[in-house]
N, C-alpha and C. Protein backbone atom coordinates (compact mmCIF):
# COMPACT_ATOMS: atom_id res chain seq x y z
N MET A 1 24.91 64.03 36.92
CA MET A 1 25.16 62.71 37.31
C MET A 1 24.75 62.60 38.74
N GLY A 2 24.32 61.45 39.40
CA GLY A 2 24.02 61.31 40.89
C GLY A 2 25.03 60.55 41.59
N PHE A 3 24.85 60.51 42.82
CA PHE A 3 26.10 60.00 43.57
C PHE A 3 26.39 58.67 43.06
N GLY A 4 27.70 58.48 43.19
CA GLY A 4 27.95 57.05 42.60
C GLY A 4 27.90 56.71 40.91
N ALA A 5 27.42 57.61 40.23
CA ALA A 5 27.26 57.64 38.95
C ALA A 5 28.56 58.07 38.39
N GLN A 6 29.08 57.40 37.39
CA GLN A 6 30.42 57.68 36.74
C GLN A 6 30.16 57.74 35.47
N ALA A 7 30.93 58.61 34.64
CA ALA A 7 30.70 58.72 33.16
C ALA A 7 31.41 57.64 32.61
N GLN A 8 31.12 56.87 31.78
CA GLN A 8 31.88 55.89 30.90
C GLN A 8 32.82 56.59 29.88
N SER A 9 34.19 56.07 30.07
CA SER A 9 34.99 56.46 28.97
C SER A 9 34.62 56.07 27.66
N PRO A 10 35.27 56.53 26.69
CA PRO A 10 35.03 55.86 25.28
C PRO A 10 35.38 54.46 25.23
N ALA A 11 36.79 54.23 25.97
CA ALA A 11 37.35 53.01 25.92
C ALA A 11 36.46 51.81 26.65
N THR A 12 35.38 52.37 27.65
CA THR A 12 34.81 51.22 28.35
C THR A 12 33.35 51.28 28.04
N SER A 13 33.03 52.14 27.19
CA SER A 13 31.45 52.29 26.82
C SER A 13 31.08 50.83 25.93
N PRO A 14 29.82 50.50 26.38
CA PRO A 14 29.12 49.31 25.52
C PRO A 14 29.68 49.40 24.02
N ALA A 15 29.53 50.66 23.42
CA ALA A 15 29.62 50.77 22.09
C ALA A 15 31.12 50.41 21.71
N ALA A 16 31.77 50.71 22.39
CA ALA A 16 33.61 50.31 22.13
C ALA A 16 33.70 48.91 22.60
N SER A 17 33.04 48.38 23.50
CA SER A 17 33.41 46.83 23.84
C SER A 17 32.68 45.96 22.67
N ALA A 18 31.79 46.47 21.80
CA ALA A 18 30.86 46.05 20.76
C ALA A 18 32.17 45.86 19.82
N LYS A 19 32.88 46.85 19.59
CA LYS A 19 34.06 46.76 18.37
C LYS A 19 35.17 45.75 18.72
N GLN A 20 35.33 45.29 20.00
CA GLN A 20 36.50 44.43 20.18
C GLN A 20 36.17 43.09 19.82
N ALA A 21 36.88 42.18 19.44
CA ALA A 21 36.60 40.95 19.04
C ALA A 21 36.02 40.30 20.37
N PRO A 22 35.15 39.30 20.04
CA PRO A 22 34.37 38.66 21.00
C PRO A 22 35.21 37.58 21.82
N ALA A 23 34.99 37.54 22.96
CA ALA A 23 35.70 36.52 23.90
C ALA A 23 35.18 35.12 23.37
N LYS A 24 35.90 34.07 23.60
CA LYS A 24 35.60 32.90 23.40
C LYS A 24 35.26 31.98 24.54
N GLU A 25 34.05 31.68 24.78
CA GLU A 25 33.59 30.79 25.89
C GLU A 25 34.15 31.11 27.11
N GLY A 26 34.16 32.68 27.53
CA GLY A 26 34.26 33.06 28.82
C GLY A 26 35.82 33.52 29.11
N PHE A 27 36.54 33.43 27.97
CA PHE A 27 37.85 33.91 28.12
C PHE A 27 38.29 34.57 26.82
N ARG A 28 39.43 35.51 26.91
CA ARG A 28 39.72 36.17 25.79
C ARG A 28 41.03 35.59 25.36
N THR A 29 41.05 35.23 23.69
CA THR A 29 42.21 34.65 23.29
C THR A 29 43.27 35.79 23.34
N TRP A 30 44.39 35.23 23.30
CA TRP A 30 45.61 36.28 22.83
C TRP A 30 45.79 36.90 21.51
N SER A 31 46.10 38.19 21.37
CA SER A 31 46.33 38.72 20.04
C SER A 31 47.79 38.24 19.43
N TRP A 32 47.88 38.61 18.33
CA TRP A 32 49.30 38.33 17.96
C TRP A 32 50.36 39.16 18.51
N ASN A 33 49.82 40.54 18.61
CA ASN A 33 50.81 41.64 19.22
C ASN A 33 51.08 41.06 20.69
N LYS A 34 50.30 40.67 21.37
CA LYS A 34 50.69 40.08 22.93
C LYS A 34 51.66 38.98 22.58
N VAL A 35 51.58 37.97 21.75
CA VAL A 35 52.64 36.81 21.57
C VAL A 35 53.75 37.47 21.31
N SER A 36 53.84 38.34 19.96
CA SER A 36 54.91 39.07 19.57
C SER A 36 55.78 39.83 20.81
N GLY A 37 54.98 40.39 21.68
CA GLY A 37 55.60 41.34 22.66
C GLY A 37 56.28 40.33 23.68
N ASN A 38 55.71 39.21 23.66
CA ASN A 38 56.30 38.00 24.97
C ASN A 38 57.06 36.96 23.86
N TRP A 39 57.40 37.21 22.97
CA TRP A 39 58.24 36.24 22.03
C TRP A 39 59.12 35.35 22.98
N LYS A 40 59.92 35.91 23.75
CA LYS A 40 61.10 34.96 24.12
C LYS A 40 60.42 34.06 25.09
N ARG A 41 59.40 34.34 25.87
CA ARG A 41 58.78 33.48 26.67
C ARG A 41 57.68 32.27 25.96
N MET A 42 57.25 32.88 24.56
CA MET A 42 56.52 32.01 23.85
C MET A 42 57.26 30.99 23.01
N LYS A 43 58.59 31.13 22.87
CA LYS A 43 59.33 30.21 21.96
C LYS A 43 59.01 28.79 22.37
N GLY A 44 58.98 28.44 23.73
CA GLY A 44 58.76 26.85 24.15
C GLY A 44 57.30 26.57 23.73
N ALA A 45 56.21 27.48 23.86
CA ALA A 45 54.93 27.10 23.37
C ALA A 45 55.00 26.84 21.77
N VAL A 46 55.44 27.70 21.24
CA VAL A 46 55.60 27.30 19.82
C VAL A 46 56.45 26.13 19.34
N LYS A 47 57.36 25.89 19.89
CA LYS A 47 58.11 24.61 19.82
C LYS A 47 57.31 23.42 20.08
N GLU A 48 56.38 23.43 21.11
CA GLU A 48 55.68 22.43 21.60
C GLU A 48 54.34 22.16 20.66
N ARG A 49 53.73 23.19 19.79
CA ARG A 49 52.77 23.26 19.02
C ARG A 49 53.22 22.77 17.73
N TRP A 50 54.63 23.32 17.09
CA TRP A 50 55.01 22.86 15.85
C TRP A 50 56.39 22.25 15.96
N GLY A 51 56.37 21.22 16.25
CA GLY A 51 57.81 20.44 16.67
C GLY A 51 58.78 20.20 15.66
N ARG A 52 58.02 20.32 14.51
CA ARG A 52 59.02 20.27 13.08
C ARG A 52 59.83 21.66 13.17
N LEU A 53 59.35 22.62 13.66
CA LEU A 53 60.22 23.90 13.48
C LEU A 53 61.45 23.71 14.28
N THR A 54 62.56 24.03 13.64
CA THR A 54 63.79 24.12 14.29
C THR A 54 64.04 25.41 15.33
N HIS A 55 64.85 25.14 16.52
CA HIS A 55 64.87 26.45 17.29
C HIS A 55 65.50 27.61 16.42
N ASN A 56 66.21 27.40 15.51
CA ASN A 56 66.55 28.33 14.45
C ASN A 56 65.38 29.18 13.83
N ASP A 57 64.46 28.14 13.33
CA ASP A 57 63.36 28.63 12.69
C ASP A 57 62.43 29.74 13.60
N ILE A 58 62.36 29.28 14.90
CA ILE A 58 61.49 30.01 16.04
C ILE A 58 62.35 31.25 16.31
N ARG A 59 63.79 31.20 16.42
CA ARG A 59 64.56 32.40 16.69
C ARG A 59 64.44 33.51 15.66
N GLU A 60 64.70 33.00 14.47
CA GLU A 60 64.54 33.97 13.11
C GLU A 60 63.39 34.47 13.11
N SER A 61 62.23 33.72 13.58
CA SER A 61 60.86 34.54 13.31
C SER A 61 60.61 35.75 13.93
N GLN A 62 61.29 35.88 15.22
CA GLN A 62 61.46 37.02 15.98
C GLN A 62 59.92 37.55 16.40
N GLY A 63 58.90 36.89 16.53
CA GLY A 63 57.46 37.24 16.74
C GLY A 63 56.99 37.75 15.31
N ARG A 64 57.44 37.57 14.42
CA ARG A 64 56.76 37.86 13.34
C ARG A 64 55.68 37.08 12.73
N ARG A 65 54.57 37.28 12.42
CA ARG A 65 53.53 36.13 12.28
C ARG A 65 53.84 35.56 10.95
N GLU A 66 53.97 36.59 9.83
CA GLU A 66 54.19 36.07 8.57
C GLU A 66 55.42 35.28 8.53
N THR A 67 56.52 35.51 9.08
CA THR A 67 57.91 34.62 9.10
C THR A 67 57.41 33.39 9.53
N LEU A 68 56.93 33.34 10.65
CA LEU A 68 56.38 32.20 11.36
C LEU A 68 55.41 31.19 10.42
N ASN A 69 54.70 32.03 9.92
CA ASN A 69 53.64 31.35 9.00
C ASN A 69 54.57 30.54 7.81
N GLY A 70 55.47 31.11 7.24
CA GLY A 70 56.24 30.70 6.29
C GLY A 70 56.98 29.66 6.80
N TYR A 71 57.67 29.52 7.76
CA TYR A 71 58.27 28.27 8.45
C TYR A 71 57.42 27.06 8.92
N ILE A 72 56.33 27.57 9.04
CA ILE A 72 55.12 26.38 9.27
C ILE A 72 54.77 25.69 7.64
N GLN A 73 54.85 26.43 6.81
CA GLN A 73 54.35 26.28 5.38
C GLN A 73 55.41 25.35 4.86
N SER A 74 56.82 25.62 5.15
CA SER A 74 57.82 25.03 4.57
C SER A 74 58.13 23.56 5.35
N ARG A 75 58.03 23.64 6.90
CA ARG A 75 58.01 22.39 7.62
C ARG A 75 57.11 21.35 7.42
N TYR A 76 55.95 21.82 7.09
CA TYR A 76 54.61 20.96 7.22
C TYR A 76 53.97 20.74 5.83
N GLY A 77 54.66 21.45 4.76
CA GLY A 77 54.01 21.23 3.32
C GLY A 77 52.53 21.67 3.28
N ILE A 78 52.39 22.81 3.91
CA ILE A 78 50.88 23.33 3.72
C ILE A 78 50.86 24.76 3.21
N ASP A 79 49.67 25.12 2.71
CA ASP A 79 49.62 26.49 2.27
C ASP A 79 49.34 27.50 3.31
N ARG A 80 49.56 28.82 2.74
CA ARG A 80 49.62 29.97 3.56
C ARG A 80 48.29 29.68 4.51
N ASP A 81 46.98 29.68 3.89
CA ASP A 81 45.93 29.56 4.51
C ASP A 81 45.60 28.62 5.78
N ALA A 82 46.14 27.34 5.32
CA ALA A 82 46.20 26.37 6.50
C ALA A 82 47.12 26.58 7.55
N ALA A 83 48.25 27.34 7.31
CA ALA A 83 49.23 27.76 8.29
C ALA A 83 48.59 28.86 9.02
N ASP A 84 47.88 29.87 8.53
CA ASP A 84 47.22 30.86 9.15
C ASP A 84 46.22 30.10 10.07
N LYS A 85 45.42 29.43 9.72
CA LYS A 85 44.31 28.60 10.55
C LYS A 85 44.95 28.00 11.64
N GLN A 86 46.09 27.23 11.48
CA GLN A 86 46.72 26.48 12.69
C GLN A 86 47.19 27.75 13.78
N ILE A 87 47.74 28.87 13.21
CA ILE A 87 48.19 29.92 14.16
C ILE A 87 46.96 30.49 14.71
N ASP A 88 45.81 30.78 14.24
CA ASP A 88 44.72 31.30 14.88
C ASP A 88 44.10 30.21 15.88
N GLU A 89 44.11 29.01 15.51
CA GLU A 89 43.54 27.83 16.59
C GLU A 89 44.71 27.75 17.78
N TRP A 90 45.89 27.80 17.45
CA TRP A 90 46.82 27.78 18.61
C TRP A 90 46.83 28.99 19.24
N LEU A 91 46.39 30.38 19.04
CA LEU A 91 45.95 31.59 19.81
C LEU A 91 44.89 31.24 20.48
N LYS A 92 43.87 30.57 20.15
CA LYS A 92 42.88 30.31 21.05
C LYS A 92 42.94 29.61 22.14
N THR A 93 44.07 28.75 22.47
CA THR A 93 44.41 27.96 23.37
C THR A 93 45.34 28.57 24.39
N LEU A 94 45.79 29.64 24.16
CA LEU A 94 46.79 30.48 24.88
C LEU A 94 45.92 31.29 26.06
N LYS A 95 46.11 31.11 27.29
CA LYS A 95 45.69 31.71 28.27
C LYS A 95 46.42 32.53 29.05
């Protein structure tokens, strides 16, 4: 390698980048792992998005997507796929 050249690590190589989920319109959306890891701070955003959920529903879900999905289904009378779609769309709005 010449002066100033650096080897790319596997994590930053173009091949590794291609395996990651594509960014939407110039920004990267949050993963559920990030939401779950920041659950205490995310509770307000969850309540704002799904106002029919009780504070108890949100607290008891403890950042678990499947549990939150179940509460959304119950409070909004929708099926699992519809709740999943709502969660996915909500994740895209987080920055």
